[in-house]
Amino acid sequence: MSNIDPVLCIDELRQILSVSTATIYRWLAESRSQDGGAFPLPVNTGGRKRRLLWTRSSIQAFLDNQNSGTHQQPSLNFVSAAEHRKRDRAARQSLKAMGVKLNDSEK
């Protein structure tokens, strides 16, 4: 069996990071902006009702970057749409293996 990266919902993030939901949404907006913030983007779960889920490893990398004292923006990695789809499929398979019910609208 392959290594499955556990996922965290927004409520778990609030507890781990000791921040409000508004702060997480602000960090997300900054990460999606042109400047690109350091906060990781959530996994795309597909379907009409999107759930915000983050992989534990991406949050750990964010915390490591914040605690390193450098506070440097990570370099931007531009990947193709095909690579994004491949990563999303792998994340959805991992979530399904963990018993998370997803709305699979992808054909």
C-alpha atoms as a PDB file:
ATOM      1  CA  MET A   1       0.000   0.000   0.000  1.00  0.00           C
ATOM      2  CA  SER A   2       1.307   3.457  -0.879  1.00  0.00           C
ATOM      3  CA  ASN A   3       1.906   6.183   1.664  1.00  0.00           C
ATOM      4  CA  ILE A   4      -1.254   8.238   2.087  1.00  0.00           C
ATOM      5  CA  ASP A   5      -0.822  11.851   3.115  1.00  0.00           C
ATOM      6  CA  PRO A   6      -3.540  12.650   5.690  1.00  0.00           C
ATOM      7  CA  VAL A   7      -5.757  15.649   5.000  1.00  0.00           C
ATOM      8  CA  LEU A   8      -6.888  18.403   7.351  1.00  0.00           C
ATOM      9  CA  CYS A   9     -10.131  20.381   7.222  1.00  0.00           C
ATOM     10  CA  ILE A  10     -10.374  24.087   8.023  1.00  0.00           C
ATOM     11  CA  ASP A  11     -11.506  23.430  11.612  1.00  0.00           C
ATOM     12  CA  GLU A  12      -8.438  21.300  12.262  1.00  0.00           C
ATOM     13  CA  LEU A  13      -6.238  24.000  10.724  1.00  0.00           C
ATOM     14  CA  ARG A  14      -7.720  26.632  13.021  1.00  0.00           C
ATOM     15  CA  GLN A  15      -6.759  24.529  16.027  1.00  0.00           C
ATOM     16  CA  ILE A  16      -3.285  23.601  14.774  1.00  0.00           C
ATOM     17  CA  LEU A  17      -2.375  27.130  13.676  1.00  0.00           C
ATOM     18  CA  SER A  18      -4.301  28.928  16.457  1.00  0.00           C
ATOM     19  CA  VAL A  19      -5.836  31.374  13.993  1.00  0.00           C
ATOM     20  CA  SER A  20      -9.368  32.324  12.976  1.00  0.00           C
ATOM     21  CA  THR A  21     -11.210  31.132   9.901  1.00  0.00           C
ATOM     22  CA  ALA A  22     -10.988  34.677   8.538  1.00  0.00           C
ATOM     23  CA  THR A  23      -7.185  34.543   8.782  1.00  0.00           C
ATOM     24  CA  ILE A  24      -7.061  31.275   6.830  1.00  0.00           C
ATOM     25  CA  TYR A  25      -9.289  32.774   4.121  1.00  0.00           C
ATOM     26  CA  ARG A  26      -7.065  35.881   4.004  1.00  0.00           C
ATOM     27  CA  TRP A  27      -3.962  33.696   3.618  1.00  0.00           C
ATOM     28  CA  LEU A  28      -5.722  31.784   0.833  1.00  0.00           C
ATOM     29  CA  ALA A  29      -6.568  35.020  -0.974  1.00  0.00           C
ATOM     30  CA  GLU A  30      -2.936  36.131  -0.689  1.00  0.00           C
ATOM     31  CA  SER A  31      -1.720  32.780  -2.033  1.00  0.00           C
ATOM     32  CA  ARG A  32      -4.090  33.016  -4.998  1.00  0.00           C
ATOM     33  CA  SER A  33      -3.041  36.579  -5.822  1.00  0.00           C
ATOM     34  CA  GLN A  34      -0.405  37.487  -8.385  1.00  0.00           C
ATOM     35  CA  ASP A  35       2.243  37.816  -5.675  1.00  0.00           C
ATOM     36  CA  GLY A  36       1.572  34.294  -4.452  1.00  0.00           C
ATOM     37  CA  GLY A  37       1.610  33.918  -0.686  1.00  0.00           C
ATOM     38  CA  ALA A  38       3.307  31.173   1.276  1.00  0.00           C
ATOM     39  CA  PHE A  39       0.114  29.474   2.492  1.00  0.00           C
ATOM     40  CA  PRO A  40      -0.595  26.214   0.621  1.00  0.00           C
ATOM     41  CA  LEU A  41      -3.675  25.927  -1.538  1.00  0.00           C
ATOM     42  CA  PRO A  42      -6.251  23.267  -0.627  1.00  0.00           C
ATOM     43  CA  VAL A  43      -6.685  19.981  -2.477  1.00  0.00           C
ATOM     44  CA  ASN A  44      -9.322  20.078  -5.209  1.00  0.00           C
ATOM     45  CA  THR A  45     -11.966  17.553  -4.128  1.00  0.00           C
ATOM     46  CA  GLY A  46     -14.160  18.061  -7.204  1.00  0.00           C
ATOM     47  CA  GLY A  47     -17.919  18.256  -7.265  1.00  0.00           C
ATOM     48  CA  ARG A  48     -20.263  21.182  -6.861  1.00  0.00           C
ATOM     49  CA  LYS A  49     -19.833  21.577  -3.135  1.00  0.00           C
ATOM     50  CA  ARG A  50     -16.121  22.019  -2.611  1.00  0.00           C
ATOM     51  CA  ARG A  51     -14.553  21.095   0.686  1.00  0.00           C
ATOM     52  CA  LEU A  52     -11.421  22.886   1.782  1.00  0.00           C
ATOM     53  CA  LEU A  53      -8.880  20.192   2.631  1.00  0.00           C
ATOM     54  CA  TRP A  54      -5.123  20.487   2.955  1.00  0.00           C
ATOM     55  CA  THR A  55      -2.527  17.745   3.034  1.00  0.00           C
ATOM     56  CA  ARG A  56      -0.695  17.452   6.335  1.00  0.00           C
ATOM     57  CA  SER A  57       2.668  17.603   4.535  1.00  0.00           C
ATOM     58  CA  SER A  58       1.830  20.948   2.853  1.00  0.00           C
ATOM     59  CA  ILE A  59       0.850  22.465   6.209  1.00  0.00           C
ATOM     60  CA  GLN A  60       4.010  21.075   7.815  1.00  0.00           C
ATOM     61  CA  ALA A  61       6.102  22.617   5.030  1.00  0.00           C
ATOM     62  CA  PHE A  62       4.306  25.951   5.603  1.00  0.00           C
ATOM     63  CA  LEU A  63       5.042  25.781   9.344  1.00  0.00           C
ATOM     64  CA  ASP A  64       8.671  24.809   8.722  1.00  0.00           C
ATOM     65  CA  ASN A  65       9.044  27.789   6.376  1.00  0.00           C
ATOM     66  CA  GLN A  66       7.472  30.143   8.939  1.00  0.00           C
ATOM     67  CA  ASN A  67       9.616  28.800  11.788  1.00  0.00           C
ATOM     68  CA  SER A  68      12.872  28.862   9.841  1.00  0.00           C
ATOM     69  CA  GLY A  69      13.135  32.619  10.340  1.00  0.00           C
ATOM     70  CA  THR A  70      13.800  33.222   6.665  1.00  0.00           C
ATOM     71  CA  HIS A  71      10.182  34.057   5.749  1.00  0.00           C
ATOM     72  CA  GLN A  72      11.112  33.782   2.077  1.00  0.00           C
ATOM     73  CA  GLN A  73       8.436  33.232  -0.480  1.00  0.00           C
ATOM     74  CA  PRO A  74       8.730  29.757  -1.978  1.00  0.00           C
ATOM     75  CA  SER A  75       9.720  29.675  -5.622  1.00  0.00           C
ATOM     76  CA  LEU A  76       6.802  29.373  -7.996  1.00  0.00           C
ATOM     77  CA  ASN A  77       6.490  26.068  -9.791  1.00  0.00           C
ATOM     78  CA  PHE A  78       4.490  26.332 -12.967  1.00  0.00           C
ATOM     79  CA  VAL A  79       2.950  23.018 -13.884  1.00  0.00           C
ATOM     80  CA  SER A  80       0.739  22.069 -16.766  1.00  0.00           C
ATOM     81  CA  ALA A  81      -2.999  21.577 -16.510  1.00  0.00           C
ATOM     82  CA  ALA A  82      -2.423  17.862 -17.146  1.00  0.00           C
ATOM     83  CA  GLU A  83      -0.092  17.697 -14.134  1.00  0.00           C
ATOM     84  CA  HIS A  84      -2.709  19.469 -11.973  1.00  0.00           C
ATOM     85  CA  ARG A  85      -5.336  16.935 -13.063  1.00  0.00           C
ATOM     86  CA  LYS A  86      -2.950  14.072 -12.308  1.00  0.00           C
ATOM     87  CA  ARG A  87      -2.263  15.448  -8.816  1.00  0.00           C
ATOM     88  CA  ASP A  88      -5.960  16.048  -8.150  1.00  0.00           C
ATOM     89  CA  ARG A  89      -6.832  12.490  -9.218  1.00  0.00           C
ATOM     90  CA  ALA A  90      -4.143  11.110  -6.905  1.00  0.00           C
ATOM     91  CA  ALA A  91      -5.417  13.256  -4.023  1.00  0.00           C
ATOM     92  CA  ARG A  92      -9.019  12.136  -4.617  1.00  0.00           C
ATOM     93  CA  GLN A  93      -7.905   8.485  -4.673  1.00  0.00           C
ATOM     94  CA  SER A  94      -6.092   9.006  -1.371  1.00  0.00           C
ATOM     95  CA  LEU A  95      -9.168  10.620   0.152  1.00  0.00           C
ATOM     96  CA  LYS A  96     -11.393   7.789  -1.055  1.00  0.00           C
ATOM     97  CA  ALA A  97      -8.970   5.246   0.405  1.00  0.00           C
ATOM     98  CA  MET A  98      -9.349   7.031   3.755  1.00  0.00           C
ATOM     99  CA  GLY A  99     -13.146   6.759   3.498  1.00  0.00           C
ATOM    100  CA  VAL A 100     -13.890  10.411   2.633  1.00  0.00           C
ATOM    101  CA  LYS A 101     -17.007  10.619   0.470  1.00  0.00           C
ATOM    102  CA  LEU A 102     -16.512  12.829  -2.559  1.00  0.00           C
ATOM    103  CA  ASN A 103     -18.902  14.021  -5.218  1.00  0.00           C
ATOM    104  CA  ASP A 104     -17.200  12.692  -8.350  1.00  0.00           C
ATOM    105  CA  SER A 105     -18.406  14.899 -11.163  1.00  0.00           C
ATOM    106  CA  GLU A 106     -15.200  14.289 -13.145  1.00  0.00           C
ATOM    107  CA  LYS A 107     -15.736  12.122 -16.199  1.00  0.00           C
END
